[in-house]
Amino acid sequence: MVILRRTLMAIAATSLAAMTMSPAAAGSIEYAVFVNTSTLNGTSGFLDFQFDPGNSLTQAATAQILSFTGGTLVGSPSNTGNVTGVLPGTLTFSNSTALSESYQGFTFGLSYSFFLLMSGLAIDFPNGTSTAGSTFGLGVYDTGNNPILTNQTAGSGYVGEVDINLNGTATGTAFPNASGGPSVAKLTPLVSPEPNSLLLLGLGLAVLAGMKIKRVAST
């Protein structure tokens, strides 16, 4: 009985360690996204969100914008490709088309933020044959449809992006501001416990609790 108890305690400890140390790779990858728009406070413009495959061999994946807050959304978005939902509710993108984009009118406040949740085969089961991943990008535009707050004006126009890599992981990049200074975007990866770790932890704790109850009942 002592050996069993020690074994279960070891399983629970291992599961806790996995939960605190492992990146969110099983089932989904999540980022907390924050964009500082204080220099635009009170002005009008647009927010641009895209989730696109690298090429025709890219594995399937989806990206969701959750819990959007900040500023004031203006009018209906202009959506291209496979995009469903409307902010501030959940906005879902699929990489099944070459371009999946949502372009939203916006009155800027001090900042805006949301959670980015990415999932799909590209994350769960990397096939080893794809030659390109997918990219989620976010941009800030003025009323003339010019990208601002970024040094990427001649390229993507993004203030930040998150790339799904070929091995199922993700890499976030916050681009410098228009003058080459610190980025207005902050992309923070969030740790999500793997299902197997939760199962092992629950099993270990449940058995330990049962043993404690049995010991109390026998005294």
N, C-alpha and C. Protein backbone atom coordinates (compact mmCIF):
# COMPACT_ATOMS: atom_id res chain seq x y z
N MET A 1 0.82 -1.21 0.00
CA MET A 1 0.00 0.00 0.00
C MET A 1 0.86 1.26 0.00
N VAL A 2 1.94 1.24 0.77
CA VAL A 2 2.84 2.39 0.82
C VAL A 2 3.49 2.62 -0.53
N ILE A 3 3.90 1.49 -1.18
CA ILE A 3 4.53 1.60 -2.50
C ILE A 3 3.55 2.18 -3.51
N LEU A 4 2.29 1.70 -3.46
CA LEU A 4 1.26 2.21 -4.38
C LEU A 4 1.04 3.69 -4.17
N ARG A 5 0.96 4.09 -2.91
CA ARG A 5 0.73 5.51 -2.61
C ARG A 5 1.87 6.36 -3.15
N ARG A 6 3.10 5.89 -2.94
CA ARG A 6 4.25 6.64 -3.43
C ARG A 6 4.27 6.72 -4.96
N THR A 7 3.85 5.64 -5.61
CA THR A 7 3.81 5.62 -7.07
C THR A 7 2.79 6.63 -7.60
N LEU A 8 1.61 6.66 -6.98
CA LEU A 8 0.57 7.59 -7.41
C LEU A 8 0.97 9.03 -7.17
N MET A 9 1.64 9.26 -6.05
CA MET A 9 2.13 10.61 -5.76
C MET A 9 3.16 11.04 -6.80
N ALA A 10 3.99 10.10 -7.24
CA ALA A 10 4.98 10.41 -8.27
C ALA A 10 4.30 10.74 -9.59
N ILE A 11 3.24 9.99 -9.92
CA ILE A 11 2.49 10.27 -11.15
C ILE A 11 1.89 11.67 -11.10
N ALA A 12 1.27 12.01 -9.95
CA ALA A 12 0.66 13.33 -9.81
C ALA A 12 1.70 14.42 -9.94
N ALA A 13 2.87 14.22 -9.32
CA ALA A 13 3.93 15.23 -9.39
C ALA A 13 4.43 15.39 -10.82
N THR A 14 4.60 14.27 -11.52
CA THR A 14 5.05 14.33 -12.91
C THR A 14 4.05 15.05 -13.78
N SER A 15 2.76 14.80 -13.55
CA SER A 15 1.72 15.46 -14.33
C SER A 15 1.72 16.96 -14.08
N LEU A 16 1.88 17.36 -12.81
CA LEU A 16 1.94 18.78 -12.50
C LEU A 16 3.12 19.44 -13.18
N ALA A 17 4.26 18.75 -13.20
CA ALA A 17 5.45 19.31 -13.85
C ALA A 17 5.21 19.47 -15.34
N ALA A 18 4.55 18.49 -15.95
CA ALA A 18 4.27 18.58 -17.39
C ALA A 18 3.33 19.73 -17.69
N MET A 19 2.37 19.96 -16.80
CA MET A 19 1.41 21.05 -17.00
C MET A 19 2.08 22.41 -16.94
N THR A 20 3.08 22.55 -16.07
CA THR A 20 3.70 23.85 -15.88
C THR A 20 4.86 24.08 -16.84
N MET A 21 5.43 23.02 -17.43
CA MET A 21 6.61 23.17 -18.26
C MET A 21 6.35 22.99 -19.74
N SER A 22 5.32 22.27 -20.13
CA SER A 22 5.11 21.97 -21.54
C SER A 22 4.37 23.09 -22.24
N PRO A 23 4.75 23.41 -23.50
CA PRO A 23 4.01 24.40 -24.28
C PRO A 23 2.68 23.82 -24.71
N ALA A 24 1.75 24.70 -25.12
CA ALA A 24 0.43 24.24 -25.57
C ALA A 24 0.57 23.66 -26.97
N ALA A 25 0.88 22.36 -27.07
CA ALA A 25 1.11 21.74 -28.37
C ALA A 25 0.10 20.66 -28.68
N ALA A 26 -0.55 20.09 -27.69
CA ALA A 26 -1.51 19.01 -27.92
C ALA A 26 -2.92 19.60 -28.00
N GLY A 27 -3.45 19.70 -29.22
CA GLY A 27 -4.82 20.18 -29.39
C GLY A 27 -4.93 21.62 -29.79
N SER A 28 -4.12 22.51 -29.25
CA SER A 28 -4.22 23.92 -29.60
C SER A 28 -3.00 24.69 -29.12
N ILE A 29 -2.83 25.87 -29.71
CA ILE A 29 -1.81 26.82 -29.29
C ILE A 29 -2.51 28.15 -29.06
N GLU A 30 -2.22 28.78 -27.92
CA GLU A 30 -2.92 30.01 -27.59
C GLU A 30 -1.93 31.13 -27.26
N TYR A 31 -2.28 32.32 -27.74
CA TYR A 31 -1.50 33.53 -27.46
C TYR A 31 -2.42 34.61 -26.90
N ALA A 32 -1.91 35.39 -25.96
CA ALA A 32 -2.56 36.62 -25.54
C ALA A 32 -1.95 37.74 -26.38
N VAL A 33 -2.80 38.49 -27.07
CA VAL A 33 -2.34 39.54 -27.99
C VAL A 33 -2.77 40.90 -27.45
N PHE A 34 -1.81 41.82 -27.37
CA PHE A 34 -2.07 43.18 -26.90
C PHE A 34 -1.43 44.16 -27.88
N VAL A 35 -2.19 45.19 -28.29
CA VAL A 35 -1.66 46.20 -29.21
C VAL A 35 -1.88 47.58 -28.61
N ASN A 36 -0.80 48.31 -28.45
CA ASN A 36 -0.83 49.67 -27.90
C ASN A 36 -1.16 50.66 -29.02
N THR A 37 -2.34 51.28 -28.94
CA THR A 37 -2.75 52.25 -29.96
C THR A 37 -2.94 53.63 -29.34
N SER A 38 -2.23 53.91 -28.26
CA SER A 38 -2.41 55.17 -27.54
C SER A 38 -2.10 56.39 -28.42
N THR A 39 -1.18 56.24 -29.38
CA THR A 39 -0.85 57.37 -30.26
C THR A 39 -1.96 57.66 -31.26
N LEU A 40 -2.91 56.75 -31.38
CA LEU A 40 -4.04 56.91 -32.31
C LEU A 40 -5.35 57.17 -31.58
N ASN A 41 -5.29 57.31 -30.28
CA ASN A 41 -6.50 57.40 -29.45
C ASN A 41 -7.48 58.45 -29.99
N GLY A 42 -8.72 58.01 -30.25
CA GLY A 42 -9.77 58.91 -30.71
C GLY A 42 -9.85 59.06 -32.22
N THR A 43 -8.90 58.49 -32.95
CA THR A 43 -8.93 58.59 -34.41
C THR A 43 -9.57 57.34 -35.02
N SER A 44 -9.86 57.41 -36.32
CA SER A 44 -10.51 56.31 -37.01
C SER A 44 -9.55 55.60 -37.95
N GLY A 45 -9.85 54.37 -38.25
CA GLY A 45 -9.03 53.58 -39.15
C GLY A 45 -9.59 52.19 -39.29
N PHE A 46 -8.70 51.23 -39.45
CA PHE A 46 -9.13 49.84 -39.67
C PHE A 46 -8.19 48.87 -38.96
N LEU A 47 -8.77 47.73 -38.60
CA LEU A 47 -7.99 46.58 -38.11
C LEU A 47 -8.02 45.51 -39.18
N ASP A 48 -6.87 44.90 -39.41
CA ASP A 48 -6.77 43.85 -40.41
C ASP A 48 -6.30 42.56 -39.74
N PHE A 49 -7.01 41.47 -40.01
CA PHE A 49 -6.63 40.15 -39.50
C PHE A 49 -6.60 39.17 -40.66
N GLN A 50 -5.53 38.39 -40.73
CA GLN A 50 -5.42 37.39 -41.80
C GLN A 50 -4.88 36.08 -41.24
N PHE A 51 -5.31 34.98 -41.86
CA PHE A 51 -4.76 33.66 -41.55
C PHE A 51 -4.64 32.91 -42.85
N ASP A 52 -3.39 32.75 -43.32
CA ASP A 52 -3.17 32.25 -44.67
C ASP A 52 -2.18 31.09 -44.69
N PRO A 53 -2.37 30.14 -45.62
CA PRO A 53 -1.41 29.05 -45.79
C PRO A 53 -0.19 29.52 -46.57
N GLY A 54 0.94 28.83 -46.34
CA GLY A 54 2.14 29.20 -47.07
C GLY A 54 2.09 28.77 -48.53
N ASN A 55 1.50 27.60 -48.80
CA ASN A 55 1.34 27.12 -50.16
C ASN A 55 0.28 26.02 -50.19
N SER A 56 0.15 25.35 -51.32
CA SER A 56 -0.90 24.35 -51.49
C SER A 56 -0.67 23.08 -50.67
N LEU A 57 0.54 22.88 -50.15
CA LEU A 57 0.85 21.69 -49.36
C LEU A 57 0.69 21.92 -47.86
N THR A 58 0.32 23.13 -47.47
CA THR A 58 0.17 23.45 -46.05
C THR A 58 -0.95 22.62 -45.42
N GLN A 59 -0.69 22.07 -44.25
CA GLN A 59 -1.71 21.29 -43.55
C GLN A 59 -2.83 22.18 -43.02
N ALA A 60 -3.99 21.56 -42.83
CA ALA A 60 -5.18 22.29 -42.38
C ALA A 60 -5.00 22.83 -40.97
N ALA A 61 -5.52 24.04 -40.76
CA ALA A 61 -5.48 24.66 -39.43
C ALA A 61 -6.54 25.75 -39.38
N THR A 62 -6.93 26.10 -38.16
CA THR A 62 -7.86 27.20 -37.95
C THR A 62 -7.27 28.16 -36.92
N ALA A 63 -7.71 29.40 -36.99
CA ALA A 63 -7.31 30.40 -36.00
C ALA A 63 -8.57 31.11 -35.54
N GLN A 64 -8.67 31.35 -34.23
CA GLN A 64 -9.84 32.02 -33.66
C GLN A 64 -9.40 33.22 -32.83
N ILE A 65 -10.12 34.32 -33.01
CA ILE A 65 -9.95 35.49 -32.16
C ILE A 65 -11.05 35.43 -31.10
N LEU A 66 -10.65 35.42 -29.83
CA LEU A 66 -11.58 35.28 -28.72
C LEU A 66 -11.44 36.48 -27.77
N SER A 67 -12.56 36.85 -27.13
CA SER A 67 -12.56 37.86 -26.05
C SER A 67 -11.93 39.17 -26.51
N PHE A 68 -12.31 39.64 -27.68
CA PHE A 68 -11.77 40.90 -28.17
C PHE A 68 -12.29 42.06 -27.32
N THR A 69 -11.39 42.99 -26.98
CA THR A 69 -11.79 44.16 -26.20
C THR A 69 -10.91 45.34 -26.56
N GLY A 70 -11.47 46.57 -26.40
CA GLY A 70 -10.72 47.78 -26.67
C GLY A 70 -11.25 48.52 -27.87
N GLY A 71 -11.15 49.87 -27.84
CA GLY A 71 -11.59 50.68 -28.97
C GLY A 71 -13.07 50.51 -29.25
N THR A 72 -13.50 50.95 -30.45
CA THR A 72 -14.90 50.85 -30.85
C THR A 72 -14.98 50.29 -32.27
N LEU A 73 -15.65 49.17 -32.42
CA LEU A 73 -15.86 48.58 -33.73
C LEU A 73 -16.87 49.41 -34.51
N VAL A 74 -16.58 49.66 -35.79
CA VAL A 74 -17.43 50.53 -36.61
C VAL A 74 -17.91 49.76 -37.85
N GLY A 75 -19.24 49.62 -37.99
CA GLY A 75 -19.80 48.98 -39.16
C GLY A 75 -19.51 47.50 -39.24
N SER A 76 -19.83 46.95 -40.40
CA SER A 76 -19.61 45.51 -40.63
C SER A 76 -18.25 45.29 -41.26
N PRO A 77 -17.62 44.17 -40.94
CA PRO A 77 -16.30 43.89 -41.51
C PRO A 77 -16.39 43.50 -42.99
N SER A 78 -15.31 43.68 -43.69
CA SER A 78 -15.17 43.18 -45.05
C SER A 78 -14.36 41.89 -44.97
N ASN A 79 -15.02 40.77 -45.24
CA ASN A 79 -14.36 39.46 -45.11
C ASN A 79 -14.06 38.86 -46.47
N THR A 80 -12.91 38.22 -46.56
CA THR A 80 -12.48 37.52 -47.76
C THR A 80 -12.06 36.11 -47.39
N GLY A 81 -12.44 35.14 -48.21
CA GLY A 81 -12.04 33.77 -47.93
C GLY A 81 -12.90 33.10 -46.88
N ASN A 82 -12.31 32.21 -46.12
CA ASN A 82 -13.05 31.41 -45.15
C ASN A 82 -12.98 32.04 -43.76
N VAL A 83 -13.88 32.99 -43.51
CA VAL A 83 -13.95 33.70 -42.23
C VAL A 83 -15.40 33.68 -41.75
N THR A 84 -15.61 33.30 -40.49
CA THR A 84 -16.95 33.32 -39.92
C THR A 84 -16.93 34.04 -38.58
N GLY A 85 -18.09 34.62 -38.22
CA GLY A 85 -18.21 35.32 -36.95
C GLY A 85 -18.00 36.81 -37.09
N VAL A 86 -18.33 37.52 -36.03
CA VAL A 86 -18.20 38.98 -36.01
C VAL A 86 -17.67 39.40 -34.65
N LEU A 87 -16.68 40.29 -34.64
CA LEU A 87 -16.18 40.84 -33.38
C LEU A 87 -17.24 41.72 -32.73
N PRO A 88 -17.30 41.80 -31.39
CA PRO A 88 -16.34 41.27 -30.43
C PRO A 88 -16.56 39.80 -30.07
N GLY A 89 -17.46 39.13 -30.81
CA GLY A 89 -17.63 37.70 -30.61
C GLY A 89 -16.47 36.94 -31.23
N THR A 90 -16.60 35.62 -31.28
CA THR A 90 -15.53 34.79 -31.82
C THR A 90 -15.44 34.94 -33.33
N LEU A 91 -14.22 35.17 -33.81
CA LEU A 91 -13.95 35.28 -35.24
C LEU A 91 -13.06 34.10 -35.62
N THR A 92 -13.53 33.29 -36.59
CA THR A 92 -12.84 32.06 -36.93
C THR A 92 -12.33 32.09 -38.37
N PHE A 93 -11.06 31.74 -38.55
CA PHE A 93 -10.43 31.70 -39.87
C PHE A 93 -9.99 30.27 -40.18
N SER A 94 -10.14 29.87 -41.43
CA SER A 94 -9.59 28.60 -41.90
C SER A 94 -8.52 28.90 -42.95
N ASN A 95 -7.48 28.08 -42.98
CA ASN A 95 -6.45 28.27 -44.00
C ASN A 95 -6.74 27.50 -45.28
N SER A 96 -8.02 27.18 -45.50
CA SER A 96 -8.41 26.38 -46.66
C SER A 96 -8.42 27.19 -47.96
N THR A 97 -8.29 28.51 -47.86
CA THR A 97 -8.19 29.36 -49.04
C THR A 97 -6.88 30.14 -48.98
N ALA A 98 -6.42 30.63 -50.13
CA ALA A 98 -5.14 31.33 -50.18
C ALA A 98 -5.14 32.58 -49.32
N LEU A 99 -6.30 33.21 -49.17
CA LEU A 99 -6.43 34.41 -48.34
C LEU A 99 -7.71 34.33 -47.53
N SER A 100 -7.56 34.37 -46.22
CA SER A 100 -8.72 34.50 -45.32
C SER A 100 -8.47 35.74 -44.48
N GLU A 101 -9.29 36.77 -44.71
CA GLU A 101 -9.02 38.09 -44.13
C GLU A 101 -10.29 38.75 -43.63
N SER A 102 -10.17 39.45 -42.51
CA SER A 102 -11.26 40.28 -41.99
C SER A 102 -10.72 41.70 -41.79
N TYR A 103 -11.37 42.65 -42.44
CA TYR A 103 -10.94 44.06 -42.42
C TYR A 103 -12.06 44.86 -41.77
N GLN A 104 -11.77 45.38 -40.56
CA GLN A 104 -12.80 45.93 -39.69
C GLN A 104 -12.60 47.42 -39.42
N GLY A 105 -13.66 48.24 -39.69
CA GLY A 105 -13.61 49.64 -39.31
C GLY A 105 -13.48 49.79 -37.81
N PHE A 106 -12.76 50.82 -37.36
CA PHE A 106 -12.41 50.89 -35.95
C PHE A 106 -12.11 52.32 -35.53
N THR A 107 -12.61 52.69 -34.34
CA THR A 107 -12.18 53.92 -33.69
C THR A 107 -11.23 53.53 -32.58
N PHE A 108 -10.01 54.01 -32.67
CA PHE A 108 -8.96 53.56 -31.76
C PHE A 108 -9.11 54.14 -30.36
N GLY A 109 -8.83 53.27 -29.39
CA GLY A 109 -8.71 53.69 -28.00
C GLY A 109 -7.25 53.62 -27.61
N LEU A 110 -6.98 53.43 -26.34
CA LEU A 110 -5.60 53.35 -25.88
C LEU A 110 -4.94 52.04 -26.32
N SER A 111 -5.76 50.99 -26.48
CA SER A 111 -5.23 49.69 -26.86
C SER A 111 -6.38 48.78 -27.26
N TYR A 112 -6.01 47.64 -27.83
CA TYR A 112 -7.00 46.56 -27.99
C TYR A 112 -6.28 45.24 -27.73
N SER A 113 -7.05 44.23 -27.37
CA SER A 113 -6.45 42.94 -27.02
C SER A 113 -7.42 41.82 -27.32
N PHE A 114 -6.88 40.60 -27.41
CA PHE A 114 -7.71 39.41 -27.63
C PHE A 114 -6.85 38.18 -27.38
N PHE A 115 -7.51 37.03 -27.36
CA PHE A 115 -6.80 35.76 -27.31
C PHE A 115 -6.83 35.13 -28.70
N LEU A 116 -5.71 34.59 -29.11
CA LEU A 116 -5.60 33.90 -30.39
C LEU A 116 -5.46 32.41 -30.12
N LEU A 117 -6.39 31.61 -30.63
CA LEU A 117 -6.38 30.17 -30.44
C LEU A 117 -6.23 29.49 -31.79
N MET A 118 -5.17 28.70 -31.95
CA MET A 118 -4.92 28.00 -33.22
C MET A 118 -4.95 26.50 -32.99
N SER A 119 -5.56 25.79 -33.93
CA SER A 119 -5.72 24.34 -33.79
C SER A 119 -5.80 23.70 -35.17
N GLY A 120 -5.82 22.36 -35.19
CA GLY A 120 -5.95 21.64 -36.45
C GLY A 120 -4.85 20.62 -36.67
N LEU A 121 -4.90 19.94 -37.80
CA LEU A 121 -3.95 18.88 -38.12
C LEU A 121 -2.51 19.37 -38.12
N ALA A 122 -2.30 20.61 -38.56
CA ALA A 122 -0.94 21.16 -38.64
C ALA A 122 -0.28 21.21 -37.27
N ILE A 123 -1.10 21.28 -36.21
CA ILE A 123 -0.59 21.33 -34.84
C ILE A 123 -0.63 19.94 -34.19
N ASP A 124 -1.73 19.24 -34.39
CA ASP A 124 -1.89 17.92 -33.75
C ASP A 124 -1.03 16.83 -34.37
N PHE A 125 -0.97 16.80 -35.71
CA PHE A 125 -0.30 15.71 -36.42
C PHE A 125 0.52 16.23 -37.60
N PRO A 126 1.63 16.90 -37.33
CA PRO A 126 2.49 17.36 -38.44
C PRO A 126 2.89 16.16 -39.31
N ASN A 127 2.70 16.30 -40.64
CA ASN A 127 2.88 15.13 -41.50
C ASN A 127 4.30 14.95 -42.03
N GLY A 128 5.16 15.93 -41.85
CA GLY A 128 6.53 15.79 -42.30
C GLY A 128 6.73 15.98 -43.79
N THR A 129 5.63 16.20 -44.52
CA THR A 129 5.74 16.39 -45.97
C THR A 129 5.37 17.81 -46.41
N SER A 130 4.72 18.56 -45.55
CA SER A 130 4.40 19.94 -45.89
C SER A 130 5.67 20.76 -46.00
N THR A 131 5.65 21.73 -46.89
CA THR A 131 6.82 22.57 -47.10
C THR A 131 6.63 24.00 -46.60
N ALA A 132 5.45 24.29 -46.06
CA ALA A 132 5.20 25.63 -45.52
C ALA A 132 4.09 25.55 -44.49
N GLY A 133 4.17 26.41 -43.49
CA GLY A 133 3.13 26.48 -42.47
C GLY A 133 2.11 27.55 -42.80
N SER A 134 1.41 28.01 -41.77
CA SER A 134 0.41 29.07 -41.92
C SER A 134 0.80 30.26 -41.06
N THR A 135 0.28 31.43 -41.44
CA THR A 135 0.60 32.66 -40.71
C THR A 135 -0.66 33.42 -40.36
N PHE A 136 -0.79 33.75 -39.06
CA PHE A 136 -1.83 34.68 -38.61
C PHE A 136 -1.17 36.05 -38.45
N GLY A 137 -1.72 37.05 -39.11
CA GLY A 137 -1.16 38.38 -39.02
C GLY A 137 -2.20 39.40 -38.62
N LEU A 138 -1.76 40.45 -37.91
CA LEU A 138 -2.65 41.54 -37.53
C LEU A 138 -2.01 42.87 -37.93
N GLY A 139 -2.83 43.72 -38.51
CA GLY A 139 -2.35 45.01 -38.97
C GLY A 139 -3.25 46.14 -38.50
N VAL A 140 -2.70 47.36 -38.51
CA VAL A 140 -3.42 48.57 -38.14
C VAL A 140 -3.32 49.54 -39.32
N TYR A 141 -4.45 50.08 -39.76
CA TYR A 141 -4.48 50.92 -40.95
C TYR A 141 -5.17 52.25 -40.67
N ASP A 142 -4.75 53.29 -41.42
CA ASP A 142 -5.41 54.59 -41.31
C ASP A 142 -6.60 54.64 -42.26
N THR A 143 -7.29 55.78 -42.32
CA THR A 143 -8.49 55.89 -43.15
C THR A 143 -8.17 55.85 -44.64
N GLY A 144 -6.90 56.02 -44.99
CA GLY A 144 -6.49 55.90 -46.39
C GLY A 144 -6.03 54.50 -46.75
N ASN A 145 -6.28 53.55 -45.84
CA ASN A 145 -5.91 52.15 -46.03
C ASN A 145 -4.40 51.94 -46.13
N ASN A 146 -3.66 52.76 -45.38
CA ASN A 146 -2.22 52.62 -45.31
C ASN A 146 -1.83 51.96 -43.99
N PRO A 147 -0.95 50.96 -44.00
CA PRO A 147 -0.52 50.33 -42.74
C PRO A 147 0.27 51.32 -41.90
N ILE A 148 0.00 51.33 -40.61
CA ILE A 148 0.66 52.26 -39.69
C ILE A 148 1.15 51.49 -38.45
N LEU A 149 1.94 52.15 -37.63
CA LEU A 149 2.49 51.61 -36.39
C LEU A 149 3.42 50.42 -36.61
N THR A 150 3.96 50.29 -37.82
CA THR A 150 4.84 49.17 -38.14
C THR A 150 5.87 49.58 -39.18
N ASN A 151 7.01 48.89 -39.19
CA ASN A 151 8.00 49.12 -40.24
C ASN A 151 7.82 48.16 -41.41
N GLN A 152 6.71 47.43 -41.41
CA GLN A 152 6.42 46.46 -42.47
C GLN A 152 5.53 47.05 -43.57
N THR A 153 5.57 48.37 -43.75
CA THR A 153 4.67 49.02 -44.70
C THR A 153 4.91 48.57 -46.14
N ALA A 154 6.13 48.17 -46.46
CA ALA A 154 6.42 47.72 -47.82
C ALA A 154 6.19 46.23 -47.99
N GLY A 155 5.85 45.55 -46.89
CA GLY A 155 5.62 44.11 -46.95
C GLY A 155 4.22 43.74 -46.55
N SER A 156 4.10 43.00 -45.46
CA SER A 156 2.79 42.50 -45.03
C SER A 156 1.91 43.58 -44.41
N GLY A 157 2.52 44.62 -43.84
CA GLY A 157 1.75 45.64 -43.13
C GLY A 157 1.40 45.24 -41.72
N TYR A 158 1.87 44.08 -41.26
CA TYR A 158 1.52 43.59 -39.93
C TYR A 158 2.29 44.32 -38.84
N VAL A 159 1.62 44.47 -37.68
CA VAL A 159 2.34 44.89 -36.48
C VAL A 159 2.86 43.67 -35.73
N GLY A 160 2.27 42.52 -36.04
CA GLY A 160 2.72 41.27 -35.43
C GLY A 160 2.14 40.09 -36.18
N GLU A 161 2.77 38.92 -36.02
CA GLU A 161 2.27 37.71 -36.64
C GLU A 161 2.64 36.50 -35.81
N VAL A 162 1.87 35.42 -35.99
CA VAL A 162 2.17 34.14 -35.35
C VAL A 162 2.21 33.09 -36.45
N ASP A 163 3.34 32.41 -36.57
CA ASP A 163 3.52 31.40 -37.61
C ASP A 163 3.39 30.00 -37.02
N ILE A 164 2.61 29.15 -37.68
CA ILE A 164 2.57 27.73 -37.33
C ILE A 164 3.71 27.05 -38.06
N ASN A 165 4.61 26.45 -37.30
CA ASN A 165 5.78 25.81 -37.89
C ASN A 165 5.48 24.39 -38.36
N LEU A 166 6.39 23.85 -39.15
CA LEU A 166 6.17 22.53 -39.74
C LEU A 166 6.16 21.41 -38.71
N ASN A 167 6.71 21.65 -37.50
CA ASN A 167 6.71 20.62 -36.46
C ASN A 167 5.53 20.77 -35.49
N GLY A 168 4.56 21.64 -35.81
CA GLY A 168 3.38 21.78 -34.97
C GLY A 168 3.50 22.82 -33.86
N THR A 169 4.64 23.47 -33.75
CA THR A 169 4.81 24.54 -32.78
C THR A 169 4.44 25.88 -33.43
N ALA A 170 4.57 26.96 -32.70
CA ALA A 170 4.27 28.28 -33.25
C ALA A 170 5.32 29.28 -32.80
N THR A 171 5.51 30.31 -33.63
CA THR A 171 6.47 31.37 -33.33
C THR A 171 5.79 32.72 -33.51
N GLY A 172 5.81 33.53 -32.48
CA GLY A 172 5.23 34.87 -32.55
C GLY A 172 6.30 35.91 -32.83
N THR A 173 5.98 36.89 -33.68
CA THR A 173 6.91 37.97 -34.02
C THR A 173 6.19 39.30 -33.91
N ALA A 174 6.72 40.20 -33.09
CA ALA A 174 6.20 41.56 -32.97
C ALA A 174 7.15 42.48 -33.72
N PHE A 175 6.67 43.16 -34.74
CA PHE A 175 7.54 43.97 -35.59
C PHE A 175 7.77 45.36 -34.99
N PRO A 176 8.94 45.95 -35.27
CA PRO A 176 9.21 47.31 -34.78
C PRO A 176 8.15 48.30 -35.27
N ASN A 177 8.02 49.42 -34.55
CA ASN A 177 7.06 50.43 -34.97
C ASN A 177 7.58 51.16 -36.21
N ALA A 178 6.83 52.15 -36.68
CA ALA A 178 7.14 52.81 -37.94
C ALA A 178 8.51 53.47 -37.96
N SER A 179 9.02 53.87 -36.82
CA SER A 179 10.33 54.51 -36.74
C SER A 179 11.44 53.54 -36.36
N GLY A 180 11.10 52.24 -36.30
CA GLY A 180 12.08 51.23 -35.95
C GLY A 180 12.23 50.99 -34.47
N GLY A 181 11.39 51.63 -33.66
CA GLY A 181 11.44 51.47 -32.21
C GLY A 181 10.68 50.24 -31.75
N PRO A 182 10.46 50.15 -30.43
CA PRO A 182 9.75 48.97 -29.87
C PRO A 182 8.39 48.76 -30.51
N SER A 183 8.03 47.51 -30.67
CA SER A 183 6.75 47.16 -31.28
C SER A 183 5.58 47.62 -30.42
N VAL A 184 4.48 47.95 -31.09
CA VAL A 184 3.24 48.27 -30.37
C VAL A 184 2.50 47.00 -30.00
N ALA A 185 2.94 45.87 -30.56
CA ALA A 185 2.26 44.59 -30.33
C ALA A 185 3.03 43.75 -29.31
N LYS A 186 2.29 43.03 -28.49
CA LYS A 186 2.87 42.07 -27.56
C LYS A 186 2.13 40.75 -27.74
N LEU A 187 2.88 39.70 -28.09
CA LEU A 187 2.31 38.38 -28.34
C LEU A 187 2.86 37.42 -27.29
N THR A 188 2.00 37.02 -26.37
CA THR A 188 2.44 36.20 -25.24
C THR A 188 1.88 34.79 -25.35
N PRO A 189 2.73 33.77 -25.56
CA PRO A 189 2.22 32.39 -25.61
C PRO A 189 1.73 31.94 -24.25
N LEU A 190 0.61 31.25 -24.23
CA LEU A 190 0.01 30.76 -22.99
C LEU A 190 0.20 29.26 -22.89
N VAL A 191 0.47 28.78 -21.67
CA VAL A 191 0.65 27.35 -21.44
C VAL A 191 -0.70 26.69 -21.25
N SER A 192 -0.92 25.61 -21.98
CA SER A 192 -2.16 24.85 -21.86
C SER A 192 -1.82 23.41 -21.52
N PRO A 193 -2.34 22.87 -20.42
CA PRO A 193 -1.99 21.49 -20.04
C PRO A 193 -2.46 20.49 -21.07
N GLU A 194 -1.63 19.47 -21.34
CA GLU A 194 -2.01 18.42 -22.27
C GLU A 194 -3.05 17.50 -21.64
N PRO A 195 -3.99 16.97 -22.46
CA PRO A 195 -5.05 16.09 -21.93
C PRO A 195 -4.51 14.90 -21.14
N ASN A 196 -3.43 14.27 -21.61
CA ASN A 196 -2.89 13.12 -20.90
C ASN A 196 -2.37 13.51 -19.52
N SER A 197 -1.79 14.69 -19.41
CA SER A 197 -1.29 15.14 -18.11
C SER A 197 -2.45 15.35 -17.15
N LEU A 198 -3.54 15.94 -17.64
CA LEU A 198 -4.71 16.14 -16.79
C LEU A 198 -5.30 14.81 -16.35
N LEU A 199 -5.33 13.84 -17.27
CA LEU A 199 -5.89 12.53 -16.93
C LEU A 199 -5.07 11.85 -15.84
N LEU A 200 -3.75 11.86 -15.99
CA LEU A 200 -2.89 11.24 -15.00
C LEU A 200 -3.00 11.93 -13.65
N LEU A 201 -3.05 13.26 -13.68
CA LEU A 201 -3.16 14.01 -12.44
C LEU A 201 -4.48 13.68 -11.74
N GLY A 202 -5.57 13.67 -12.50
CA GLY A 202 -6.87 13.37 -11.92
C GLY A 202 -6.94 11.98 -11.34
N LEU A 203 -6.36 11.01 -12.06
CA LEU A 203 -6.35 9.62 -11.59
C LEU A 203 -5.57 9.52 -10.28
N GLY A 204 -4.39 10.11 -10.24
CA GLY A 204 -3.56 10.01 -9.04
C GLY A 204 -4.22 10.65 -7.84
N LEU A 205 -4.79 11.86 -8.04
CA LEU A 205 -5.43 12.56 -6.93
C LEU A 205 -6.68 11.83 -6.45
N ALA A 206 -7.45 11.26 -7.40
CA ALA A 206 -8.68 10.55 -7.03
C ALA A 206 -8.37 9.32 -6.18
N VAL A 207 -7.34 8.57 -6.59
CA VAL A 207 -6.99 7.37 -5.82
C VAL A 207 -6.45 7.74 -4.45
N LEU A 208 -5.62 8.77 -4.41
CA LEU A 208 -5.09 9.21 -3.12
C LEU A 208 -6.21 9.66 -2.19
N ALA A 209 -7.20 10.37 -2.74
CA ALA A 209 -8.33 10.82 -1.93
C ALA A 209 -9.11 9.62 -1.40
N GLY A 210 -9.30 8.59 -2.26
CA GLY A 210 -10.01 7.40 -1.82
C GLY A 210 -9.28 6.66 -0.72
N MET A 211 -7.97 6.62 -0.82
CA MET A 211 -7.17 5.94 0.21
C MET A 211 -7.26 6.69 1.54
N LYS A 212 -7.30 8.03 1.46
CA LYS A 212 -7.41 8.82 2.69
C LYS A 212 -8.76 8.60 3.37
N ILE A 213 -9.82 8.56 2.55
CA ILE A 213 -11.16 8.34 3.10
C ILE A 213 -11.24 6.96 3.76
N LYS A 214 -10.67 5.94 3.10
CA LYS A 214 -10.68 4.59 3.64
C LYS A 214 -9.94 4.50 4.96
N ARG A 215 -8.79 5.22 5.03
CA ARG A 215 -7.99 5.20 6.25
C ARG A 215 -8.74 5.86 7.40
N VAL A 216 -9.44 6.98 7.10
CA VAL A 216 -10.21 7.67 8.15
C VAL A 216 -11.35 6.80 8.62
N ALA A 217 -12.03 6.09 7.70
CA ALA A 217 -13.17 5.25 8.04
C ALA A 217 -12.76 4.08 8.90
N SER A 218 -11.52 3.61 8.75
CA SER A 218 -11.07 2.44 9.50
C SER A 218 -10.56 2.77 10.88
N THR A 219 -10.44 4.06 11.20
CA THR A 219 -9.94 4.46 12.54
C THR A 219 -11.08 4.69 13.51
